[in-house]
Amino acid sequence: WIRDVAGGKIRNIQLIFDHAKKYMVTEGNIKK
């Protein structure tokens, strides 16, 4: 998913961080 969010290249870490804060604060992900 990080490659998808970052367009295949990990250059803009802030995009990854923003995605995690917005979409990954879920019960299922916190269990992971």
PDB file of all heavy atoms in Angstrom:
ATOM      1  N   TRP A   1       0.828  -1.208   0.000  1.00  0.00           N
ATOM      2  CA  TRP A   1       0.000   0.000   0.000  1.00  0.00           C
ATOM      3  C   TRP A   1       0.861   1.257   0.000  1.00  0.00           C
ATOM      4  O   TRP A   1       0.454   2.291  -0.537  1.00  0.00           O
ATOM      5  CB  TRP A   1      -0.999   0.016   1.157  1.00  0.00           C
ATOM      6  CG  TRP A   1      -0.420   0.185   2.527  1.00  0.00           C
ATOM      7  CD1 TRP A   1      -0.112  -0.801   3.410  1.00  0.00           C
ATOM      8  CD2 TRP A   1      -0.067   1.425   3.167  1.00  0.00           C
ATOM      9  NE1 TRP A   1       0.414  -0.255   4.567  1.00  0.00           N
ATOM     10  CE2 TRP A   1       0.450   1.105   4.441  1.00  0.00           C
ATOM     11  CE3 TRP A   1      -0.130   2.766   2.799  1.00  0.00           C
ATOM     12  CZ2 TRP A   1       0.896   2.067   5.337  1.00  0.00           C
ATOM     13  CZ3 TRP A   1       0.311   3.726   3.697  1.00  0.00           C
ATOM     14  CH2 TRP A   1       0.813   3.380   4.944  1.00  0.00           C
ATOM     15  N   ILE A   2       2.050   1.184   0.595  1.00  0.00           N
ATOM     16  CA  ILE A   2       2.942   2.347   0.635  1.00  0.00           C
ATOM     17  C   ILE A   2       3.417   2.684  -0.770  1.00  0.00           C
ATOM     18  O   ILE A   2       3.453   3.845  -1.166  1.00  0.00           O
ATOM     19  CB  ILE A   2       4.117   2.102   1.607  1.00  0.00           C
ATOM     20  CG1 ILE A   2       3.594   2.183   3.047  1.00  0.00           C
ATOM     21  CG2 ILE A   2       5.261   3.091   1.366  1.00  0.00           C
ATOM     22  CD1 ILE A   2       4.623   1.890   4.124  1.00  0.00           C
ATOM     23  N   ARG A   3       3.759   1.672  -1.527  1.00  0.00           N
ATOM     24  CA  ARG A   3       4.169   1.914  -2.922  1.00  0.00           C
ATOM     25  C   ARG A   3       3.016   2.528  -3.722  1.00  0.00           C
ATOM     26  O   ARG A   3       3.223   3.407  -4.534  1.00  0.00           O
ATOM     27  CB  ARG A   3       4.644   0.621  -3.570  1.00  0.00           C
ATOM     28  CG  ARG A   3       5.949   0.110  -2.996  1.00  0.00           C
ATOM     29  CD  ARG A   3       6.496  -1.027  -3.850  1.00  0.00           C
ATOM     30  NE  ARG A   3       7.570  -1.719  -3.195  1.00  0.00           N
ATOM     31  CZ  ARG A   3       8.808  -1.265  -3.042  1.00  0.00           C
ATOM     32  NH1 ARG A   3       9.120  -0.072  -3.488  1.00  0.00           N
ATOM     33  NH2 ARG A   3       9.722  -1.991  -2.448  1.00  0.00           N
ATOM     34  N   ASP A   4       1.783   2.046  -3.462  1.00  0.00           N
ATOM     35  CA  ASP A   4       0.610   2.589  -4.162  1.00  0.00           C
ATOM     36  C   ASP A   4       0.404   4.060  -3.817  1.00  0.00           C
ATOM     37  O   ASP A   4       0.207   4.891  -4.708  1.00  0.00           O
ATOM     38  CB  ASP A   4      -0.649   1.794  -3.802  1.00  0.00           C
ATOM     39  CG  ASP A   4      -0.620   0.364  -4.312  1.00  0.00           C
ATOM     40  OD1 ASP A   4       0.198   0.055  -5.211  1.00  0.00           O
ATOM     41  OD2 ASP A   4      -1.402  -0.456  -3.794  1.00  0.00           O
ATOM     42  N   VAL A   5       0.446   4.382  -2.524  1.00  0.00           N
ATOM     43  CA  VAL A   5       0.242   5.759  -2.065  1.00  0.00           C
ATOM     44  C   VAL A   5       1.340   6.669  -2.600  1.00  0.00           C
ATOM     45  O   VAL A   5       1.082   7.815  -2.977  1.00  0.00           O
ATOM     46  CB  VAL A   5       0.183   5.819  -0.520  1.00  0.00           C
ATOM     47  CG1 VAL A   5       0.299   7.240  -0.002  1.00  0.00           C
ATOM     48  CG2 VAL A   5      -1.093   5.165  -0.015  1.00  0.00           C
ATOM     49  N   ALA A   6       2.560   6.154  -2.639  1.00  0.00           N
ATOM     50  CA  ALA A   6       3.709   6.973  -3.028  1.00  0.00           C
ATOM     51  C   ALA A   6       3.979   6.933  -4.529  1.00  0.00           C
ATOM     52  O   ALA A   6       5.008   7.443  -4.976  1.00  0.00           O
ATOM     53  CB  ALA A   6       4.946   6.508  -2.259  1.00  0.00           C
ATOM     54  N   GLY A   7       3.082   6.342  -5.304  1.00  0.00           N
ATOM     55  CA  GLY A   7       3.268   6.301  -6.744  1.00  0.00           C
ATOM     56  C   GLY A   7       4.421   5.402  -7.184  1.00  0.00           C
ATOM     57  O   GLY A   7       5.060   5.656  -8.198  1.00  0.00           O
ATOM     58  N   GLY A   8       4.684   4.364  -6.406  1.00  0.00           N
ATOM     59  CA  GLY A   8       5.724   3.408  -6.777  1.00  0.00           C
ATOM     60  C   GLY A   8       7.108   3.723  -6.246  1.00  0.00           C
ATOM     61  O   GLY A   8       7.976   2.868  -6.203  1.00  0.00           O
ATOM     62  N   LYS A   9       7.316   4.970  -5.864  1.00  0.00           N
ATOM     63  CA  LYS A   9       8.625   5.368  -5.349  1.00  0.00           C
ATOM     64  C   LYS A   9       8.437   6.042  -3.993  1.00  0.00           C
ATOM     65  O   LYS A   9       7.529   6.829  -3.814  1.00  0.00           O
ATOM     66  CB  LYS A   9       9.323   6.319  -6.312  1.00  0.00           C
ATOM     67  CG  LYS A   9       9.629   5.673  -7.636  1.00  0.00           C
ATOM     68  CD  LYS A   9      10.373   6.607  -8.540  1.00  0.00           C
ATOM     69  CE  LYS A   9      10.633   5.893  -9.865  1.00  0.00           C
ATOM     70  NZ  LYS A   9      11.358   6.712 -10.792  1.00  0.00           N
ATOM     71  N   ILE A  10       9.325   5.730  -3.091  1.00  0.00           N
ATOM     72  CA  ILE A  10       9.212   6.281  -1.742  1.00  0.00           C
ATOM     73  C   ILE A  10      10.021   7.584  -1.694  1.00  0.00           C
ATOM     74  O   ILE A  10      11.180   7.598  -1.327  1.00  0.00           O
ATOM     75  CB  ILE A  10       9.742   5.281  -0.694  1.00  0.00           C
ATOM     76  CG1 ILE A  10       9.207   3.879  -0.934  1.00  0.00           C
ATOM     77  CG2 ILE A  10       9.429   5.766   0.712  1.00  0.00           C
ATOM     78  CD1 ILE A  10       7.714   3.754  -0.973  1.00  0.00           C
ATOM     79  N   ARG A  11       9.377   8.658  -2.092  1.00  0.00           N
ATOM     80  CA  ARG A  11      10.051   9.958  -2.083  1.00  0.00           C
ATOM     81  C   ARG A  11       9.403  10.929  -1.115  1.00  0.00           C
ATOM     82  O   ARG A  11      10.082  11.651  -0.419  1.00  0.00           O
ATOM     83  CB  ARG A  11      10.058  10.565  -3.484  1.00  0.00           C
ATOM     84  CG  ARG A  11      10.974   9.834  -4.410  1.00  0.00           C
ATOM     85  CD  ARG A  11      11.180  10.620  -5.675  1.00  0.00           C
ATOM     86  NE  ARG A  11      12.089   9.884  -6.542  1.00  0.00           N
ATOM     87  CZ  ARG A  11      11.995   9.847  -7.834  1.00  0.00           C
ATOM     88  NH1 ARG A  11      11.062  10.524  -8.453  1.00  0.00           N
ATOM     89  NH2 ARG A  11      12.855   9.148  -8.534  1.00  0.00           N
ATOM     90  N   ASN A  12       8.085  10.954  -1.128  1.00  0.00           N
ATOM     91  CA  ASN A  12       7.381  11.882  -0.265  1.00  0.00           C
ATOM     92  C   ASN A  12       6.795  11.119   0.922  1.00  0.00           C
ATOM     93  O   ASN A  12       5.672  10.622   0.877  1.00  0.00           O
ATOM     94  CB  ASN A  12       6.277  12.614  -1.027  1.00  0.00           C
ATOM     95  CG  ASN A  12       5.661  13.718  -0.196  1.00  0.00           C
ATOM     96  OD1 ASN A  12       5.757  13.737   1.028  1.00  0.00           O
ATOM     97  ND2 ASN A  12       5.001  14.651  -0.861  1.00  0.00           N
ATOM     98  N   ILE A  13       7.577  11.049   1.984  1.00  0.00           N
ATOM     99  CA  ILE A  13       7.164  10.292   3.153  1.00  0.00           C
ATOM    100  C   ILE A  13       5.919  10.912   3.787  1.00  0.00           C
ATOM    101  O   ILE A  13       5.096  10.201   4.352  1.00  0.00           O
ATOM    102  CB  ILE A  13       8.339  10.172   4.140  1.00  0.00           C
ATOM    103  CG1 ILE A  13       9.379   9.261   3.509  1.00  0.00           C
ATOM    104  CG2 ILE A  13       7.896   9.649   5.484  1.00  0.00           C
ATOM    105  CD1 ILE A  13      10.631   9.092   4.296  1.00  0.00           C
ATOM    106  N   GLN A  14       5.750  12.226   3.655  1.00  0.00           N
ATOM    107  CA  GLN A  14       4.582  12.870   4.254  1.00  0.00           C
ATOM    108  C   GLN A  14       3.282  12.330   3.668  1.00  0.00           C
ATOM    109  O   GLN A  14       2.293  12.191   4.379  1.00  0.00           O
ATOM    110  CB  GLN A  14       4.656  14.391   4.094  1.00  0.00           C
ATOM    111  CG  GLN A  14       3.633  15.119   4.953  1.00  0.00           C
ATOM    112  CD  GLN A  14       3.819  14.839   6.438  1.00  0.00           C
ATOM    113  OE1 GLN A  14       4.908  14.982   6.981  1.00  0.00           O
ATOM    114  NE2 GLN A  14       2.751  14.435   7.113  1.00  0.00           N
ATOM    115  N   LEU A  15       3.257  11.978   2.376  1.00  0.00           N
ATOM    116  CA  LEU A  15       2.058  11.365   1.778  1.00  0.00           C
ATOM    117  C   LEU A  15       1.717  10.060   2.488  1.00  0.00           C
ATOM    118  O   LEU A  15       0.548   9.772   2.753  1.00  0.00           O
ATOM    119  CB  LEU A  15       2.293  11.065   0.293  1.00  0.00           C
ATOM    120  CG  LEU A  15       2.196  12.215  -0.692  1.00  0.00           C
ATOM    121  CD1 LEU A  15       2.571  11.735  -2.090  1.00  0.00           C
ATOM    122  CD2 LEU A  15       0.797  12.795  -0.696  1.00  0.00           C
ATOM    123  N   ILE A  16       2.743   9.268   2.789  1.00  0.00           N
ATOM    124  CA  ILE A  16       2.554   7.995   3.479  1.00  0.00           C
ATOM    125  C   ILE A  16       2.017   8.240   4.883  1.00  0.00           C
ATOM    126  O   ILE A  16       1.059   7.606   5.318  1.00  0.00           O
ATOM    127  CB  ILE A  16       3.873   7.213   3.511  1.00  0.00           C
ATOM    128  CG1 ILE A  16       4.316   6.878   2.078  1.00  0.00           C
ATOM    129  CG2 ILE A  16       3.765   5.961   4.376  1.00  0.00           C
ATOM    130  CD1 ILE A  16       5.757   6.465   1.946  1.00  0.00           C
ATOM    131  N   PHE A  17       2.623   9.186   5.594  1.00  0.00           N
ATOM    132  CA  PHE A  17       2.197   9.494   6.956  1.00  0.00           C
ATOM    133  C   PHE A  17       0.761  10.013   6.981  1.00  0.00           C
ATOM    134  O   PHE A  17      -0.037   9.607   7.822  1.00  0.00           O
ATOM    135  CB  PHE A  17       3.131  10.513   7.601  1.00  0.00           C
ATOM    136  CG  PHE A  17       4.527   9.998   7.879  1.00  0.00           C
ATOM    137  CD1 PHE A  17       5.481  10.858   8.377  1.00  0.00           C
ATOM    138  CD2 PHE A  17       4.898   8.686   7.637  1.00  0.00           C
ATOM    139  CE1 PHE A  17       6.769  10.410   8.653  1.00  0.00           C
ATOM    140  CE2 PHE A  17       6.174   8.223   7.899  1.00  0.00           C
ATOM    141  CZ  PHE A  17       7.113   9.093   8.418  1.00  0.00           C
ATOM    142  N   ASP A  18       0.420  10.899   6.052  1.00  0.00           N
ATOM    143  CA  ASP A  18      -0.940  11.438   5.987  1.00  0.00           C
ATOM    144  C   ASP A  18      -1.963  10.326   5.722  1.00  0.00           C
ATOM    145  O   ASP A  18      -3.033  10.297   6.324  1.00  0.00           O
ATOM    146  CB  ASP A  18      -1.051  12.520   4.905  1.00  0.00           C
ATOM    147  CG  ASP A  18      -0.303  13.794   5.263  1.00  0.00           C
ATOM    148  OD1 ASP A  18       0.094  13.974   6.441  1.00  0.00           O
ATOM    149  OD2 ASP A  18      -0.085  14.617   4.337  1.00  0.00           O
ATOM    150  N   HIS A  19      -1.620   9.424   4.809  1.00  0.00           N
ATOM    151  CA  HIS A  19      -2.508   8.298   4.502  1.00  0.00           C
ATOM    152  C   HIS A  19      -2.727   7.436   5.750  1.00  0.00           C
ATOM    153  O   HIS A  19      -3.866   7.056   6.060  1.00  0.00           O
ATOM    154  CB  HIS A  19      -1.909   7.451   3.372  1.00  0.00           C
ATOM    155  CG  HIS A  19      -2.719   6.246   3.050  1.00  0.00           C
ATOM    156  ND1 HIS A  19      -3.753   6.265   2.148  1.00  0.00           N
ATOM    157  CD2 HIS A  19      -2.665   4.971   3.525  1.00  0.00           C
ATOM    158  CE1 HIS A  19      -4.293   5.070   2.079  1.00  0.00           C
ATOM    159  NE2 HIS A  19      -3.654   4.265   2.903  1.00  0.00           N
ATOM    160  N   ALA A  20      -1.653   7.139   6.467  1.00  0.00           N
ATOM    161  CA  ALA A  20      -1.759   6.300   7.663  1.00  0.00           C
ATOM    162  C   ALA A  20      -2.659   6.951   8.711  1.00  0.00           C
ATOM    163  O   ALA A  20      -3.508   6.286   9.314  1.00  0.00           O
ATOM    164  CB  ALA A  20      -0.377   6.020   8.237  1.00  0.00           C
ATOM    165  N   LYS A  21      -2.487   8.243   8.930  1.00  0.00           N
ATOM    166  CA  LYS A  21      -3.305   8.943   9.927  1.00  0.00           C
ATOM    167  C   LYS A  21      -4.779   8.991   9.516  1.00  0.00           C
ATOM    168  O   LYS A  21      -5.666   8.913  10.356  1.00  0.00           O
ATOM    169  CB  LYS A  21      -2.792  10.369  10.133  1.00  0.00           C
ATOM    170  CG  LYS A  21      -1.511  10.437  10.924  1.00  0.00           C
ATOM    171  CD  LYS A  21      -1.056  11.866  11.066  1.00  0.00           C
ATOM    172  CE  LYS A  21       0.249  11.957  11.826  1.00  0.00           C
ATOM    173  NZ  LYS A  21       0.729  13.338  11.934  1.00  0.00           N
ATOM    174  N   LYS A  22      -5.036   9.115   8.220  1.00  0.00           N
ATOM    175  CA  LYS A  22      -6.410   9.273   7.739  1.00  0.00           C
ATOM    176  C   LYS A  22      -7.153   7.941   7.598  1.00  0.00           C
ATOM    177  O   LYS A  22      -8.337   7.858   7.916  1.00  0.00           O
ATOM    178  CB  LYS A  22      -6.398  10.005   6.392  1.00  0.00           C
ATOM    179  CG  LYS A  22      -7.766  10.342   5.866  1.00  0.00           C
ATOM    180  CD  LYS A  22      -7.693  11.224   4.636  1.00  0.00           C
ATOM    181  CE  LYS A  22      -9.083  11.608   4.164  1.00  0.00           C
ATOM    182  NZ  LYS A  22      -9.032  12.463   2.973  1.00  0.00           N
ATOM    183  N   TYR A  23      -6.461   6.907   7.127  1.00  0.00           N
ATOM    184  CA  TYR A  23      -7.146   5.672   6.764  1.00  0.00           C
ATOM    185  C   TYR A  23      -6.803   4.445   7.609  1.00  0.00           C
ATOM    186  O   TYR A  23      -7.473   3.417   7.474  1.00  0.00           O
ATOM    187  CB  TYR A  23      -6.868   5.324   5.299  1.00  0.00           C
ATOM    188  CG  TYR A  23      -7.356   6.369   4.338  1.00  0.00           C
ATOM    189  CD1 TYR A  23      -6.455   7.193   3.668  1.00  0.00           C
ATOM    190  CD2 TYR A  23      -8.718   6.551   4.119  1.00  0.00           C
ATOM    191  CE1 TYR A  23      -6.895   8.168   2.793  1.00  0.00           C
ATOM    192  CE2 TYR A  23      -9.170   7.526   3.234  1.00  0.00           C
ATOM    193  CZ  TYR A  23      -8.260   8.329   2.570  1.00  0.00           C
ATOM    194  OH  TYR A  23      -8.697   9.289   1.712  1.00  0.00           O
ATOM    195  N   MET A  24      -5.789   4.524   8.434  1.00  0.00           N
ATOM    196  CA  MET A  24      -5.328   3.304   9.102  1.00  0.00           C
ATOM    197  C   MET A  24      -5.613   3.260  10.604  1.00  0.00           C
ATOM    198  O   MET A  24      -5.229   2.307  11.271  1.00  0.00           O
ATOM    199  CB  MET A  24      -3.839   3.104   8.828  1.00  0.00           C
ATOM    200  CG  MET A  24      -3.581   2.922   7.341  1.00  0.00           C
ATOM    201  SD  MET A  24      -1.893   2.572   6.958  1.00  0.00           S
ATOM    202  CE  MET A  24      -1.791   0.884   7.542  1.00  0.00           C
ATOM    203  N   VAL A  25      -6.295   4.251  11.119  1.00  0.00           N
ATOM    204  CA  VAL A  25      -6.659   4.228  12.533  1.00  0.00           C
ATOM    205  C   VAL A  25      -7.983   3.469  12.638  1.00  0.00           C
ATOM    206  O   VAL A  25      -9.051   4.038  12.842  1.00  0.00           O
ATOM    207  CB  VAL A  25      -6.761   5.654  13.125  1.00  0.00           C
ATOM    208  CG1 VAL A  25      -7.085   5.588  14.613  1.00  0.00           C
ATOM    209  CG2 VAL A  25      -5.477   6.421  12.902  1.00  0.00           C
ATOM    210  N   THR A  26      -7.866   2.146  12.438  1.00  0.00           N
ATOM    211  CA  THR A  26      -9.025   1.260  12.500  1.00  0.00           C
ATOM    212  C   THR A  26      -8.720   0.142  13.488  1.00  0.00           C
ATOM    213  O   THR A  26      -7.555  -0.174  13.747  1.00  0.00           O
ATOM    214  CB  THR A  26      -9.331   0.634  11.127  1.00  0.00           C
ATOM    215  OG1 THR A  26      -8.251  -0.221  10.760  1.00  0.00           O
ATOM    216  CG2 THR A  26      -9.546   1.707  10.053  1.00  0.00           C
ATOM    217  N   GLU A  27      -9.769  -0.456  14.006  1.00  0.00           N
ATOM    218  CA  GLU A  27      -9.588  -1.544  14.960  1.00  0.00           C
ATOM    219  C   GLU A  27      -8.763  -2.680  14.342  1.00  0.00           C
ATOM    220  O   GLU A  27      -7.844  -3.213  14.968  1.00  0.00           O
ATOM    221  CB  GLU A  27     -10.947  -2.063  15.419  1.00  0.00           C
ATOM    222  CG  GLU A  27     -10.862  -3.111  16.492  1.00  0.00           C
ATOM    223  CD  GLU A  27     -12.231  -3.538  16.984  1.00  0.00           C
ATOM    224  OE1 GLU A  27     -13.167  -2.721  16.971  1.00  0.00           O
ATOM    225  OE2 GLU A  27     -12.345  -4.714  17.396  1.00  0.00           O
ATOM    226  N   GLY A  28      -9.074  -3.042  13.105  1.00  0.00           N
ATOM    227  CA  GLY A  28      -8.361  -4.128  12.443  1.00  0.00           C
ATOM    228  C   GLY A  28      -6.886  -3.817  12.239  1.00  0.00           C
ATOM    229  O   GLY A  28      -6.025  -4.678  12.457  1.00  0.00           O
ATOM    230  N   ASN A  29      -6.584  -2.604  11.843  1.00  0.00           N
ATOM    231  CA  ASN A  29      -5.182  -2.252  11.619  1.00  0.00           C
ATOM    232  C   ASN A  29      -4.423  -2.138  12.937  1.00  0.00           C
ATOM    233  O   ASN A  29      -3.259  -2.530  13.018  1.00  0.00           O
ATOM    234  CB  ASN A  29      -5.054  -0.962  10.817  1.00  0.00           C
ATOM    235  CG  ASN A  29      -3.632  -0.755  10.371  1.00  0.00           C
ATOM    236  OD1 ASN A  29      -3.090  -1.548   9.613  1.00  0.00           O
ATOM    237  ND2 ASN A  29      -2.998   0.276  10.888  1.00  0.00           N
ATOM    238  N   ILE A  30      -5.074  -1.618  13.958  1.00  0.00           N
ATOM    239  CA  ILE A  30      -4.399  -1.523  15.261  1.00  0.00           C
ATOM    240  C   ILE A  30      -4.102  -2.922  15.787  1.00  0.00           C
ATOM    241  O   ILE A  30      -3.044  -3.156  16.375  1.00  0.00           O
ATOM    242  CB  ILE A  30      -5.206  -0.655  16.237  1.00  0.00           C
ATOM    243  CG1 ILE A  30      -5.147   0.810  15.767  1.00  0.00           C
ATOM    244  CG2 ILE A  30      -4.682  -0.792  17.665  1.00  0.00           C
ATOM    245  CD1 ILE A  30      -6.025   1.774  16.525  1.00  0.00           C
ATOM    246  N   LYS A  31      -4.963  -3.885  15.519  1.00  0.00           N
ATOM    247  CA  LYS A  31      -4.668  -5.277  15.894  1.00  0.00           C
ATOM    248  C   LYS A  31      -3.432  -5.782  15.135  1.00  0.00           C
ATOM    249  O   LYS A  31      -2.614  -6.516  15.691  1.00  0.00           O
ATOM    250  CB  LYS A  31      -5.872  -6.173  15.629  1.00  0.00           C
ATOM    251  CG  LYS A  31      -7.005  -5.966  16.624  1.00  0.00           C
ATOM    252  CD  LYS A  31      -8.086  -6.995  16.448  1.00  0.00           C
ATOM    253  CE  LYS A  31      -9.278  -6.767  17.337  1.00  0.00           C
ATOM    254  NZ  LYS A  31      -9.028  -6.543  18.722  1.00  0.00           N
ATOM    255  N   LYS A  32      -3.283  -5.374  13.874  1.00  0.00           N
ATOM    256  CA  LYS A  32      -2.077  -5.751  13.106  1.00  0.00           C
ATOM    257  C   LYS A  32      -0.831  -5.121  13.724  1.00  0.00           C
ATOM    258  O   LYS A  32       0.219  -5.753  13.799  1.00  0.00           O
ATOM    259  CB  LYS A  32      -2.209  -5.314  11.647  1.00  0.00           C
ATOM    260  CG  LYS A  32      -3.175  -6.118  10.836  1.00  0.00           C
ATOM    261  CD  LYS A  32      -3.262  -5.590   9.416  1.00  0.00           C
ATOM    262  CE  LYS A  32      -4.404  -6.249   8.663  1.00  0.00           C
ATOM    263  NZ  LYS A  32      -4.593  -5.659   7.334  1.00  0.00           N
TER     264      LYS A  32
END
